[in-house]
Amino acid sequence: MRDENTPILGLILAGGLSRRMGGTPKFSARIGGVSLIERVISLVRDQCGALAINPYEATAETQAAFAGIGLPLVADAVLGHAGPLAGVLAGLDYAWQKGLSHVLSVPCDCPFLPADLAARLRAASLETRDGLACAASGGRIHPVVALWPTRLREDLRRALIDQGLRKVGQFQHGYDMASVEWNFRKRDPFFNINTPDDLLRAQDLLAPNEDED
């Protein structure tokens, strides 16, 4: 059955340890007076039927950190800081419970995501056998910026728990996956922030972008 008209879940991955940010959680870092996670939410909200945030765990402290955002928290399905695949699995389980066909995973540290992200990944996924698609730019694939069909959730669970798999790309390479390239001249739409210097660079990149003219 084709599911191109079924709403998808936008899952914002926010379970990283932010070691290179000097102890400041990346999701709360600000550019242009707006936190990274608030910016990501504003970019993907209109592209998805529902949104959720994936922290590593849903402790009282974590819940308090995200309390003002007003989105459901979907904690990692596998404990032990198993990486973004654990967050994706949690999102797939949540989406399946809500009757949604796909999950669009995006990291909380990509403040320039394109407005046509979900649409282009969805269109490309329909041409694949497994319904999986991920973004690329500058000739480089971004495995965590991807559209995942919920029917892959049990495969992913086995890979995480039974095989101990942790690399997103390694799991994806076992499936028929589309790669969708975004061209740019000035600002990579998948620029991500890992360090304080990256944050300063992102601030500079907030200026009007010729790629969006």
N, C-alpha and C. Protein backbone atom coordinates (compact mmCIF):
# COMPACT_ATOMS: atom_id res chain seq x y z
N MET A 1 0.84 -1.20 0.00
CA MET A 1 0.00 0.00 0.00
C MET A 1 0.87 1.25 0.00
N ARG A 2 0.59 2.21 -0.87
CA ARG A 2 1.32 3.46 -0.89
C ARG A 2 0.83 4.36 0.25
N ASP A 3 1.75 5.03 0.92
CA ASP A 3 1.39 5.82 2.09
C ASP A 3 1.88 7.25 1.95
N GLU A 4 1.90 7.77 0.70
CA GLU A 4 2.44 9.12 0.50
C GLU A 4 1.59 10.21 1.12
N ASN A 5 0.34 9.91 1.47
CA ASN A 5 -0.54 10.93 2.04
C ASN A 5 -0.69 10.81 3.56
N THR A 6 -0.02 9.85 4.16
CA THR A 6 -0.11 9.66 5.59
C THR A 6 0.76 10.67 6.33
N PRO A 7 0.27 11.33 7.37
CA PRO A 7 1.10 12.29 8.11
C PRO A 7 2.34 11.61 8.70
N ILE A 8 3.41 12.38 8.82
CA ILE A 8 4.63 11.84 9.39
C ILE A 8 4.95 12.54 10.71
N LEU A 9 5.79 11.88 11.50
CA LEU A 9 6.26 12.45 12.76
C LEU A 9 7.61 13.11 12.54
N GLY A 10 7.71 14.36 12.91
CA GLY A 10 9.01 15.03 12.94
C GLY A 10 9.66 14.79 14.29
N LEU A 11 10.81 14.13 14.30
CA LEU A 11 11.50 13.76 15.53
C LEU A 11 12.79 14.57 15.64
N ILE A 12 12.88 15.40 16.66
CA ILE A 12 14.06 16.24 16.88
C ILE A 12 14.98 15.52 17.86
N LEU A 13 16.13 15.10 17.36
CA LEU A 13 17.08 14.34 18.17
C LEU A 13 17.87 15.28 19.07
N ALA A 14 17.70 15.12 20.37
CA ALA A 14 18.35 16.01 21.34
C ALA A 14 18.96 15.20 22.47
N GLY A 15 19.49 14.02 22.14
CA GLY A 15 20.02 13.14 23.18
C GLY A 15 21.52 13.13 23.30
N GLY A 16 22.20 14.01 22.56
CA GLY A 16 23.66 14.04 22.62
C GLY A 16 24.18 14.60 23.94
N LEU A 17 25.45 14.35 24.21
CA LEU A 17 26.05 14.77 25.47
C LEU A 17 26.66 16.16 25.41
N SER A 18 26.78 16.74 24.22
CA SER A 18 27.30 18.12 24.04
C SER A 18 28.67 18.31 24.67
N ARG A 19 29.53 17.31 24.57
CA ARG A 19 30.84 17.38 25.22
C ARG A 19 31.69 18.54 24.71
N ARG A 20 31.57 18.84 23.40
CA ARG A 20 32.41 19.88 22.81
C ARG A 20 31.81 21.28 22.95
N MET A 21 30.68 21.39 23.62
CA MET A 21 30.05 22.70 23.82
C MET A 21 30.34 23.28 25.20
N GLY A 22 31.31 22.73 25.89
CA GLY A 22 31.69 23.26 27.19
C GLY A 22 30.65 23.04 28.27
N GLY A 23 29.86 21.98 28.12
CA GLY A 23 28.87 21.65 29.14
C GLY A 23 27.50 22.25 28.91
N THR A 24 27.38 23.15 27.93
CA THR A 24 26.08 23.74 27.62
C THR A 24 25.30 22.82 26.69
N PRO A 25 24.09 22.38 27.05
CA PRO A 25 23.31 21.55 26.13
C PRO A 25 23.12 22.26 24.80
N LYS A 26 23.40 21.55 23.71
CA LYS A 26 23.30 22.19 22.40
C LYS A 26 21.91 22.72 22.11
N PHE A 27 20.90 21.99 22.53
CA PHE A 27 19.55 22.41 22.18
C PHE A 27 19.19 23.78 22.73
N SER A 28 19.85 24.18 23.82
CA SER A 28 19.53 25.47 24.45
C SER A 28 20.44 26.60 24.01
N ALA A 29 21.50 26.29 23.24
CA ALA A 29 22.38 27.34 22.72
C ALA A 29 21.57 28.25 21.79
N ARG A 30 21.94 29.52 21.73
CA ARG A 30 21.10 30.48 21.01
C ARG A 30 21.87 31.14 19.87
N ILE A 31 21.17 31.35 18.75
CA ILE A 31 21.66 32.19 17.67
C ILE A 31 20.51 33.12 17.28
N GLY A 32 20.85 34.36 17.04
CA GLY A 32 19.81 35.32 16.71
C GLY A 32 18.76 35.46 17.79
N GLY A 33 19.16 35.21 19.05
CA GLY A 33 18.23 35.33 20.17
C GLY A 33 17.27 34.18 20.33
N VAL A 34 17.42 33.12 19.52
CA VAL A 34 16.51 31.98 19.56
C VAL A 34 17.31 30.70 19.81
N SER A 35 16.81 29.82 20.67
CA SER A 35 17.52 28.58 20.93
C SER A 35 17.52 27.71 19.68
N LEU A 36 18.53 26.86 19.59
CA LEU A 36 18.64 25.98 18.42
C LEU A 36 17.41 25.10 18.26
N ILE A 37 16.92 24.56 19.35
CA ILE A 37 15.79 23.64 19.23
C ILE A 37 14.52 24.40 18.82
N GLU A 38 14.35 25.62 19.31
CA GLU A 38 13.19 26.41 18.89
C GLU A 38 13.27 26.73 17.40
N ARG A 39 14.48 26.98 16.92
CA ARG A 39 14.65 27.27 15.51
C ARG A 39 14.33 26.03 14.66
N VAL A 40 14.83 24.88 15.08
CA VAL A 40 14.55 23.64 14.34
C VAL A 40 13.06 23.36 14.32
N ILE A 41 12.41 23.54 15.46
CA ILE A 41 10.95 23.32 15.52
C ILE A 41 10.23 24.21 14.52
N SER A 42 10.63 25.47 14.45
CA SER A 42 9.95 26.39 13.53
C SER A 42 10.17 25.99 12.08
N LEU A 43 11.29 25.34 11.78
CA LEU A 43 11.60 24.96 10.41
C LEU A 43 10.87 23.70 9.96
N VAL A 44 10.58 22.80 10.89
CA VAL A 44 9.97 21.52 10.48
C VAL A 44 8.50 21.41 10.86
N ARG A 45 7.99 22.32 11.68
CA ARG A 45 6.62 22.19 12.17
C ARG A 45 5.61 22.05 11.04
N ASP A 46 5.71 22.88 10.03
CA ASP A 46 4.73 22.86 8.95
C ASP A 46 4.96 21.73 7.96
N GLN A 47 6.05 20.98 8.13
CA GLN A 47 6.36 19.89 7.21
C GLN A 47 5.86 18.54 7.71
N CYS A 48 5.38 18.50 8.95
CA CYS A 48 5.05 17.22 9.58
C CYS A 48 3.66 17.28 10.21
N GLY A 49 3.05 16.11 10.35
CA GLY A 49 1.74 16.05 10.99
C GLY A 49 1.81 16.13 12.49
N ALA A 50 2.98 15.80 13.07
CA ALA A 50 3.18 15.85 14.52
C ALA A 50 4.67 16.01 14.79
N LEU A 51 4.99 16.52 15.97
CA LEU A 51 6.39 16.69 16.38
C LEU A 51 6.62 16.06 17.74
N ALA A 52 7.85 15.61 17.96
CA ALA A 52 8.27 15.10 19.27
C ALA A 52 9.76 15.36 19.41
N ILE A 53 10.21 15.39 20.65
CA ILE A 53 11.63 15.59 20.96
C ILE A 53 12.18 14.31 21.56
N ASN A 54 13.36 13.93 21.13
CA ASN A 54 14.03 12.74 21.67
C ASN A 54 15.21 13.15 22.55
N PRO A 55 15.03 13.15 23.89
CA PRO A 55 16.17 13.27 24.79
C PRO A 55 16.69 11.86 25.10
N TYR A 56 17.87 11.81 25.71
CA TYR A 56 18.41 10.49 26.07
C TYR A 56 17.50 9.77 27.06
N GLU A 57 17.02 10.49 28.06
CA GLU A 57 16.14 9.89 29.06
C GLU A 57 15.14 10.94 29.53
N ALA A 58 14.01 10.48 30.02
CA ALA A 58 12.93 11.39 30.44
C ALA A 58 12.89 11.52 31.95
N THR A 59 14.02 11.92 32.55
CA THR A 59 14.05 12.17 33.99
C THR A 59 13.32 13.48 34.30
N ALA A 60 13.09 13.72 35.57
CA ALA A 60 12.43 14.97 35.97
C ALA A 60 13.25 16.17 35.53
N GLU A 61 14.58 16.06 35.64
CA GLU A 61 15.45 17.17 35.23
C GLU A 61 15.34 17.42 33.73
N THR A 62 15.32 16.34 32.95
CA THR A 62 15.20 16.48 31.50
C THR A 62 13.85 17.09 31.13
N GLN A 63 12.81 16.60 31.76
CA GLN A 63 11.47 17.12 31.49
C GLN A 63 11.39 18.61 31.80
N ALA A 64 12.05 19.04 32.88
CA ALA A 64 12.04 20.45 33.25
C ALA A 64 12.77 21.30 32.20
N ALA A 65 13.85 20.75 31.63
CA ALA A 65 14.62 21.49 30.64
C ALA A 65 13.81 21.76 29.37
N PHE A 66 12.90 20.86 29.05
CA PHE A 66 12.10 21.00 27.84
C PHE A 66 10.66 21.47 28.12
N ALA A 67 10.38 21.80 29.37
CA ALA A 67 8.99 22.06 29.78
C ALA A 67 8.35 23.20 29.00
N GLY A 68 9.10 24.24 28.71
CA GLY A 68 8.51 25.39 28.06
C GLY A 68 8.24 25.21 26.58
N ILE A 69 8.68 24.11 26.01
CA ILE A 69 8.55 23.91 24.56
C ILE A 69 7.18 23.35 24.20
N GLY A 70 6.64 22.51 25.06
CA GLY A 70 5.28 22.02 24.84
C GLY A 70 5.14 20.88 23.86
N LEU A 71 6.22 20.13 23.63
CA LEU A 71 6.16 18.97 22.75
C LEU A 71 6.38 17.69 23.56
N PRO A 72 5.81 16.57 23.11
CA PRO A 72 6.04 15.31 23.82
C PRO A 72 7.51 14.90 23.77
N LEU A 73 7.97 14.29 24.86
CA LEU A 73 9.33 13.78 24.93
C LEU A 73 9.29 12.26 24.72
N VAL A 74 10.12 11.78 23.82
CA VAL A 74 10.20 10.36 23.51
C VAL A 74 11.63 9.93 23.80
N ALA A 75 11.85 9.35 24.98
CA ALA A 75 13.20 9.00 25.41
C ALA A 75 13.74 7.80 24.65
N ASP A 76 15.08 7.66 24.66
CA ASP A 76 15.74 6.55 23.97
C ASP A 76 15.09 5.22 24.32
N ALA A 77 14.96 4.39 23.30
CA ALA A 77 14.38 3.06 23.50
C ALA A 77 15.40 2.08 24.04
N VAL A 78 16.68 2.39 23.92
CA VAL A 78 17.77 1.54 24.41
C VAL A 78 18.65 2.40 25.31
N LEU A 79 18.87 1.98 26.53
CA LEU A 79 19.65 2.76 27.48
C LEU A 79 21.15 2.59 27.24
N GLY A 80 21.94 3.44 27.89
CA GLY A 80 23.38 3.34 27.76
C GLY A 80 23.97 4.25 26.71
N HIS A 81 23.29 5.34 26.40
CA HIS A 81 23.77 6.28 25.40
C HIS A 81 24.14 5.56 24.12
N ALA A 82 23.16 4.90 23.55
CA ALA A 82 23.37 4.09 22.35
C ALA A 82 23.41 4.92 21.08
N GLY A 83 23.29 6.24 21.18
CA GLY A 83 23.42 7.09 20.01
C GLY A 83 22.11 7.38 19.32
N PRO A 84 22.18 8.07 18.18
CA PRO A 84 20.95 8.51 17.51
C PRO A 84 20.05 7.38 17.03
N LEU A 85 20.60 6.20 16.77
CA LEU A 85 19.74 5.09 16.35
C LEU A 85 18.73 4.74 17.44
N ALA A 86 19.14 4.86 18.70
CA ALA A 86 18.21 4.59 19.79
C ALA A 86 17.09 5.61 19.81
N GLY A 87 17.41 6.85 19.48
CA GLY A 87 16.39 7.88 19.39
C GLY A 87 15.44 7.64 18.23
N VAL A 88 15.99 7.23 17.10
CA VAL A 88 15.16 6.93 15.93
C VAL A 88 14.20 5.79 16.25
N LEU A 89 14.70 4.75 16.92
CA LEU A 89 13.83 3.64 17.29
C LEU A 89 12.70 4.11 18.20
N ALA A 90 13.01 4.95 19.17
CA ALA A 90 11.97 5.48 20.05
C ALA A 90 10.93 6.25 19.23
N GLY A 91 11.40 7.02 18.26
CA GLY A 91 10.48 7.75 17.41
C GLY A 91 9.62 6.85 16.55
N LEU A 92 10.21 5.79 16.03
CA LEU A 92 9.44 4.84 15.21
C LEU A 92 8.36 4.16 16.04
N ASP A 93 8.69 3.77 17.26
CA ASP A 93 7.69 3.15 18.14
C ASP A 93 6.56 4.12 18.44
N TYR A 94 6.93 5.36 18.73
CA TYR A 94 5.93 6.39 19.05
C TYR A 94 5.03 6.66 17.84
N ALA A 95 5.64 6.80 16.67
CA ALA A 95 4.87 7.06 15.46
C ALA A 95 3.92 5.90 15.14
N TRP A 96 4.41 4.70 15.31
CA TRP A 96 3.57 3.51 15.05
C TRP A 96 2.36 3.50 15.98
N GLN A 97 2.58 3.84 17.25
CA GLN A 97 1.47 3.89 18.21
C GLN A 97 0.45 4.96 17.83
N LYS A 98 0.91 6.02 17.20
CA LYS A 98 0.03 7.13 16.80
C LYS A 98 -0.57 6.93 15.42
N GLY A 99 -0.25 5.83 14.76
CA GLY A 99 -0.79 5.57 13.44
C GLY A 99 -0.13 6.35 12.33
N LEU A 100 1.09 6.81 12.55
CA LEU A 100 1.84 7.56 11.54
C LEU A 100 2.77 6.61 10.79
N SER A 101 2.96 6.87 9.51
CA SER A 101 3.68 5.90 8.67
C SER A 101 5.19 6.10 8.67
N HIS A 102 5.66 7.34 8.91
CA HIS A 102 7.08 7.64 8.79
C HIS A 102 7.54 8.57 9.91
N VAL A 103 8.85 8.57 10.10
CA VAL A 103 9.50 9.51 11.01
C VAL A 103 10.54 10.29 10.22
N LEU A 104 10.47 11.60 10.33
CA LEU A 104 11.52 12.47 9.80
C LEU A 104 12.44 12.82 10.96
N SER A 105 13.64 12.28 10.96
CA SER A 105 14.59 12.56 12.04
C SER A 105 15.48 13.74 11.65
N VAL A 106 15.62 14.67 12.57
CA VAL A 106 16.50 15.83 12.37
C VAL A 106 17.21 16.12 13.68
N PRO A 107 18.49 16.49 13.64
CA PRO A 107 19.19 16.84 14.87
C PRO A 107 18.82 18.23 15.36
N CYS A 108 18.96 18.44 16.65
CA CYS A 108 18.59 19.73 17.23
C CYS A 108 19.62 20.81 16.94
N ASP A 109 20.74 20.45 16.31
CA ASP A 109 21.82 21.41 16.10
C ASP A 109 21.98 21.83 14.64
N CYS A 110 20.93 21.66 13.84
CA CYS A 110 20.95 22.08 12.43
C CYS A 110 19.97 23.24 12.25
N PRO A 111 20.42 24.48 12.36
CA PRO A 111 19.50 25.62 12.38
C PRO A 111 19.06 26.14 11.02
N PHE A 112 19.49 25.49 9.93
CA PHE A 112 19.15 26.02 8.60
C PHE A 112 18.47 24.96 7.71
N LEU A 113 17.72 24.08 8.30
CA LEU A 113 17.08 23.00 7.54
C LEU A 113 16.16 23.56 6.45
N PRO A 114 16.12 22.91 5.28
CA PRO A 114 15.32 23.43 4.16
C PRO A 114 13.82 23.22 4.36
N ALA A 115 13.05 24.13 3.77
CA ALA A 115 11.59 24.08 3.90
C ALA A 115 10.98 22.92 3.12
N ASP A 116 11.72 22.37 2.18
CA ASP A 116 11.20 21.25 1.38
C ASP A 116 11.81 19.92 1.79
N LEU A 117 12.34 19.85 3.00
CA LEU A 117 13.02 18.64 3.45
C LEU A 117 12.11 17.42 3.44
N ALA A 118 10.99 17.50 4.14
CA ALA A 118 10.09 16.34 4.23
C ALA A 118 9.53 15.97 2.86
N ALA A 119 9.14 16.96 2.08
CA ALA A 119 8.53 16.68 0.78
C ALA A 119 9.48 15.97 -0.15
N ARG A 120 10.72 16.43 -0.22
CA ARG A 120 11.67 15.81 -1.14
C ARG A 120 12.09 14.42 -0.68
N LEU A 121 12.28 14.25 0.62
CA LEU A 121 12.62 12.92 1.12
C LEU A 121 11.46 11.95 0.92
N ARG A 122 10.24 12.43 1.14
CA ARG A 122 9.06 11.58 0.96
C ARG A 122 8.94 11.14 -0.50
N ALA A 123 9.12 12.07 -1.42
CA ALA A 123 9.02 11.73 -2.84
C ALA A 123 10.09 10.72 -3.24
N ALA A 124 11.31 10.90 -2.75
CA ALA A 124 12.39 9.97 -3.08
C ALA A 124 12.15 8.60 -2.47
N SER A 125 11.61 8.58 -1.26
CA SER A 125 11.39 7.30 -0.58
C SER A 125 10.41 6.40 -1.32
N LEU A 126 9.48 7.02 -2.04
CA LEU A 126 8.47 6.25 -2.78
C LEU A 126 9.08 5.50 -3.95
N GLU A 127 10.29 5.86 -4.34
CA GLU A 127 10.96 5.19 -5.44
C GLU A 127 11.86 4.06 -4.97
N THR A 128 11.91 3.83 -3.67
CA THR A 128 12.78 2.78 -3.12
C THR A 128 11.95 1.59 -2.66
N ARG A 129 12.61 0.48 -2.57
CA ARG A 129 11.94 -0.74 -2.10
C ARG A 129 11.61 -0.67 -0.62
N ASP A 130 12.49 -0.03 0.17
CA ASP A 130 12.33 -0.04 1.63
C ASP A 130 11.77 1.26 2.20
N GLY A 131 11.51 2.25 1.35
CA GLY A 131 10.88 3.48 1.83
C GLY A 131 11.76 4.35 2.70
N LEU A 132 13.08 4.27 2.50
CA LEU A 132 14.04 4.99 3.33
C LEU A 132 14.75 6.03 2.48
N ALA A 133 14.93 7.24 3.02
CA ALA A 133 15.62 8.30 2.29
C ALA A 133 16.37 9.19 3.26
N CYS A 134 17.52 9.71 2.82
CA CYS A 134 18.26 10.63 3.68
C CYS A 134 18.77 11.80 2.85
N ALA A 135 19.16 12.86 3.53
CA ALA A 135 19.59 14.09 2.90
C ALA A 135 21.09 14.06 2.61
N ALA A 136 21.49 14.86 1.62
CA ALA A 136 22.89 15.03 1.29
C ALA A 136 23.11 16.46 0.82
N SER A 137 24.34 16.93 0.98
CA SER A 137 24.71 18.26 0.48
C SER A 137 26.22 18.30 0.34
N GLY A 138 26.68 19.08 -0.64
CA GLY A 138 28.12 19.17 -0.84
C GLY A 138 28.77 17.83 -1.09
N GLY A 139 28.02 16.89 -1.66
CA GLY A 139 28.55 15.56 -1.93
C GLY A 139 28.67 14.69 -0.70
N ARG A 140 28.09 15.09 0.41
CA ARG A 140 28.19 14.34 1.67
C ARG A 140 26.81 13.97 2.17
N ILE A 141 26.65 12.70 2.54
CA ILE A 141 25.38 12.20 3.07
C ILE A 141 25.26 12.56 4.55
N HIS A 142 24.03 12.90 4.97
CA HIS A 142 23.76 13.22 6.38
C HIS A 142 22.80 12.15 6.92
N PRO A 143 23.32 11.05 7.45
CA PRO A 143 22.47 9.90 7.80
C PRO A 143 21.37 10.21 8.81
N VAL A 144 21.61 11.15 9.75
CA VAL A 144 20.60 11.40 10.78
C VAL A 144 19.47 12.30 10.29
N VAL A 145 19.66 12.94 9.13
CA VAL A 145 18.57 13.72 8.52
C VAL A 145 17.91 12.80 7.52
N ALA A 146 16.90 12.09 7.97
CA ALA A 146 16.37 11.00 7.17
C ALA A 146 14.89 10.78 7.41
N LEU A 147 14.28 10.12 6.44
CA LEU A 147 12.89 9.70 6.54
C LEU A 147 12.87 8.19 6.69
N TRP A 148 12.24 7.73 7.77
CA TRP A 148 12.24 6.31 8.14
C TRP A 148 10.82 5.78 8.16
N PRO A 149 10.52 4.68 7.46
CA PRO A 149 9.20 4.06 7.58
C PRO A 149 9.09 3.29 8.89
N THR A 150 7.94 3.36 9.53
CA THR A 150 7.78 2.68 10.82
C THR A 150 7.92 1.17 10.69
N ARG A 151 7.74 0.63 9.50
CA ARG A 151 7.85 -0.82 9.34
C ARG A 151 9.27 -1.35 9.56
N LEU A 152 10.25 -0.43 9.65
CA LEU A 152 11.63 -0.86 9.91
C LEU A 152 11.96 -0.94 11.40
N ARG A 153 10.98 -0.66 12.25
CA ARG A 153 11.30 -0.53 13.68
C ARG A 153 11.79 -1.83 14.31
N GLU A 154 11.22 -2.97 13.94
CA GLU A 154 11.68 -4.23 14.54
C GLU A 154 13.06 -4.61 14.02
N ASP A 155 13.34 -4.31 12.76
CA ASP A 155 14.69 -4.54 12.23
C ASP A 155 15.70 -3.69 13.00
N LEU A 156 15.35 -2.45 13.25
CA LEU A 156 16.25 -1.56 13.98
C LEU A 156 16.42 -2.02 15.42
N ARG A 157 15.35 -2.49 16.03
CA ARG A 157 15.44 -2.98 17.41
C ARG A 157 16.42 -4.15 17.50
N ARG A 158 16.33 -5.06 16.56
CA ARG A 158 17.24 -6.21 16.56
C ARG A 158 18.68 -5.76 16.33
N ALA A 159 18.86 -4.80 15.44
CA ALA A 159 20.21 -4.33 15.15
C ALA A 159 20.83 -3.67 16.39
N LEU A 160 20.04 -2.90 17.12
CA LEU A 160 20.53 -2.22 18.31
C LEU A 160 20.79 -3.18 19.48
N ILE A 161 19.82 -4.05 19.75
CA ILE A 161 19.89 -4.88 20.95
C ILE A 161 20.68 -6.16 20.72
N ASP A 162 20.40 -6.85 19.63
CA ASP A 162 21.05 -8.14 19.39
C ASP A 162 22.42 -8.00 18.76
N GLN A 163 22.58 -7.02 17.87
CA GLN A 163 23.84 -6.88 17.14
C GLN A 163 24.74 -5.78 17.70
N GLY A 164 24.19 -4.94 18.58
CA GLY A 164 24.99 -3.86 19.15
C GLY A 164 25.37 -2.78 18.15
N LEU A 165 24.59 -2.64 17.09
CA LEU A 165 24.90 -1.65 16.06
C LEU A 165 24.68 -0.24 16.60
N ARG A 166 25.56 0.68 16.24
CA ARG A 166 25.45 2.04 16.74
C ARG A 166 25.53 3.11 15.64
N LYS A 167 26.10 2.79 14.49
CA LYS A 167 26.28 3.79 13.44
C LYS A 167 25.05 3.85 12.54
N VAL A 168 24.50 5.05 12.37
CA VAL A 168 23.28 5.22 11.59
C VAL A 168 23.49 4.77 10.15
N GLY A 169 24.58 5.24 9.54
CA GLY A 169 24.84 4.89 8.15
C GLY A 169 25.01 3.40 7.95
N GLN A 170 25.59 2.73 8.91
CA GLN A 170 25.80 1.28 8.78
C GLN A 170 24.46 0.55 8.72
N PHE A 171 23.50 0.97 9.52
CA PHE A 171 22.18 0.37 9.44
C PHE A 171 21.52 0.69 8.11
N GLN A 172 21.59 1.93 7.69
CA GLN A 172 20.94 2.34 6.44
C GLN A 172 21.49 1.61 5.22
N HIS A 173 22.77 1.31 5.23
CA HIS A 173 23.38 0.67 4.07
C HIS A 173 22.85 -0.73 3.81
N GLY A 174 22.15 -1.30 4.77
CA GLY A 174 21.56 -2.62 4.58
C GLY A 174 20.22 -2.57 3.86
N TYR A 175 19.79 -1.37 3.43
CA TYR A 175 18.46 -1.21 2.83
C TYR A 175 18.57 -0.40 1.54
N ASP A 176 17.52 -0.49 0.76
CA ASP A 176 17.43 0.31 -0.46
C ASP A 176 17.04 1.73 -0.03
N MET A 177 18.00 2.63 -0.04
CA MET A 177 17.80 3.98 0.49
C MET A 177 18.09 5.01 -0.59
N ALA A 178 17.23 6.00 -0.70
CA ALA A 178 17.47 7.12 -1.60
C ALA A 178 18.30 8.18 -0.89
N SER A 179 19.19 8.82 -1.64
CA SER A 179 19.95 9.95 -1.14
C SER A 179 19.55 11.17 -1.95
N VAL A 180 19.09 12.22 -1.27
CA VAL A 180 18.58 13.42 -1.94
C VAL A 180 19.56 14.56 -1.71
N GLU A 181 20.10 15.10 -2.80
CA GLU A 181 21.12 16.15 -2.72
C GLU A 181 20.48 17.54 -2.73
N TRP A 182 20.90 18.39 -1.79
CA TRP A 182 20.54 19.81 -1.78
C TRP A 182 21.75 20.61 -2.24
N ASN A 183 21.61 21.38 -3.28
CA ASN A 183 22.68 22.24 -3.77
C ASN A 183 22.64 23.57 -3.03
N PHE A 184 23.79 24.16 -2.83
CA PHE A 184 23.85 25.45 -2.18
C PHE A 184 25.09 26.20 -2.65
N ARG A 185 25.03 27.52 -2.55
CA ARG A 185 26.16 28.36 -2.92
C ARG A 185 26.86 28.94 -1.70
N LYS A 186 26.08 29.29 -0.71
CA LYS A 186 26.64 30.01 0.44
C LYS A 186 26.48 29.24 1.75
N ARG A 187 25.27 28.82 2.05
CA ARG A 187 25.00 28.24 3.36
C ARG A 187 24.49 26.81 3.22
N ASP A 188 25.25 25.88 3.74
CA ASP A 188 24.82 24.48 3.71
C ASP A 188 23.58 24.33 4.59
N PRO A 189 22.46 23.84 4.04
CA PRO A 189 21.24 23.71 4.84
C PRO A 189 21.37 22.70 5.98
N PHE A 190 22.44 21.90 5.93
CA PHE A 190 22.63 20.90 6.98
C PHE A 190 23.87 21.19 7.83
N PHE A 191 24.28 22.45 7.82
CA PHE A 191 25.34 22.90 8.73
C PHE A 191 24.91 22.57 10.15
N ASN A 192 25.81 21.91 10.90
CA ASN A 192 25.45 21.56 12.27
C ASN A 192 26.46 22.12 13.26
N ILE A 193 26.01 22.31 14.46
CA ILE A 193 26.79 23.00 15.48
C ILE A 193 27.27 22.00 16.53
N ASN A 194 28.61 21.90 16.64
CA ASN A 194 29.19 21.00 17.62
C ASN A 194 30.06 21.71 18.65
N THR A 195 30.53 22.92 18.31
CA THR A 195 31.48 23.63 19.16
C THR A 195 31.05 25.10 19.30
N PRO A 196 31.60 25.80 20.27
CA PRO A 196 31.32 27.24 20.37
C PRO A 196 31.71 27.99 19.09
N ASP A 197 32.77 27.58 18.41
CA ASP A 197 33.15 28.23 17.15
C ASP A 197 32.08 28.01 16.08
N ASP A 198 31.50 26.81 16.05
CA ASP A 198 30.41 26.54 15.11
C ASP A 198 29.22 27.47 15.40
N LEU A 199 28.99 27.73 16.67
CA LEU A 199 27.88 28.61 17.05
C LEU A 199 28.11 30.02 16.52
N LEU A 200 29.34 30.49 16.62
CA LEU A 200 29.68 31.81 16.10
C LEU A 200 29.53 31.84 14.58
N ARG A 201 29.94 30.76 13.92
CA ARG A 201 29.80 30.68 12.47
C ARG A 201 28.32 30.70 12.07
N ALA A 202 27.50 29.98 12.82
CA ALA A 202 26.06 29.96 12.53
C ALA A 202 25.47 31.35 12.68
N GLN A 203 25.93 32.10 13.67
CA GLN A 203 25.45 33.46 13.85
C GLN A 203 25.76 34.30 12.61
N ASP A 204 26.96 34.13 12.07
CA ASP A 204 27.34 34.86 10.85
C ASP A 204 26.46 34.45 9.67
N LEU A 205 26.10 33.18 9.61
CA LEU A 205 25.33 32.65 8.50
C LEU A 205 23.85 33.03 8.56
N LEU A 206 23.43 33.66 9.67
CA LEU A 206 22.02 34.07 9.78
C LEU A 206 21.67 35.20 8.82
N ALA A 207 22.67 35.88 8.29
CA ALA A 207 22.41 36.97 7.35
C ALA A 207 21.60 36.43 6.17
N PRO A 208 20.83 37.28 5.48
CA PRO A 208 20.02 36.82 4.35
C PRO A 208 20.80 35.92 3.42
N ASN A 209 20.23 34.78 3.08
CA ASN A 209 20.93 33.73 2.35
C ASN A 209 20.58 33.75 0.88
N GLU A 210 21.57 33.91 0.03
CA GLU A 210 21.34 33.98 -1.41
C GLU A 210 20.77 32.67 -1.96
N ASP A 211 20.98 31.56 -1.28
CA ASP A 211 20.44 30.29 -1.74
C ASP A 211 18.92 30.24 -1.63
N GLU A 212 18.33 31.15 -0.83
CA GLU A 212 16.89 31.13 -0.60
C GLU A 212 16.17 32.22 -1.40
N ASP A 213 16.90 32.94 -2.24
CA ASP A 213 16.27 34.00 -3.05
C ASP A 213 15.27 33.41 -4.05
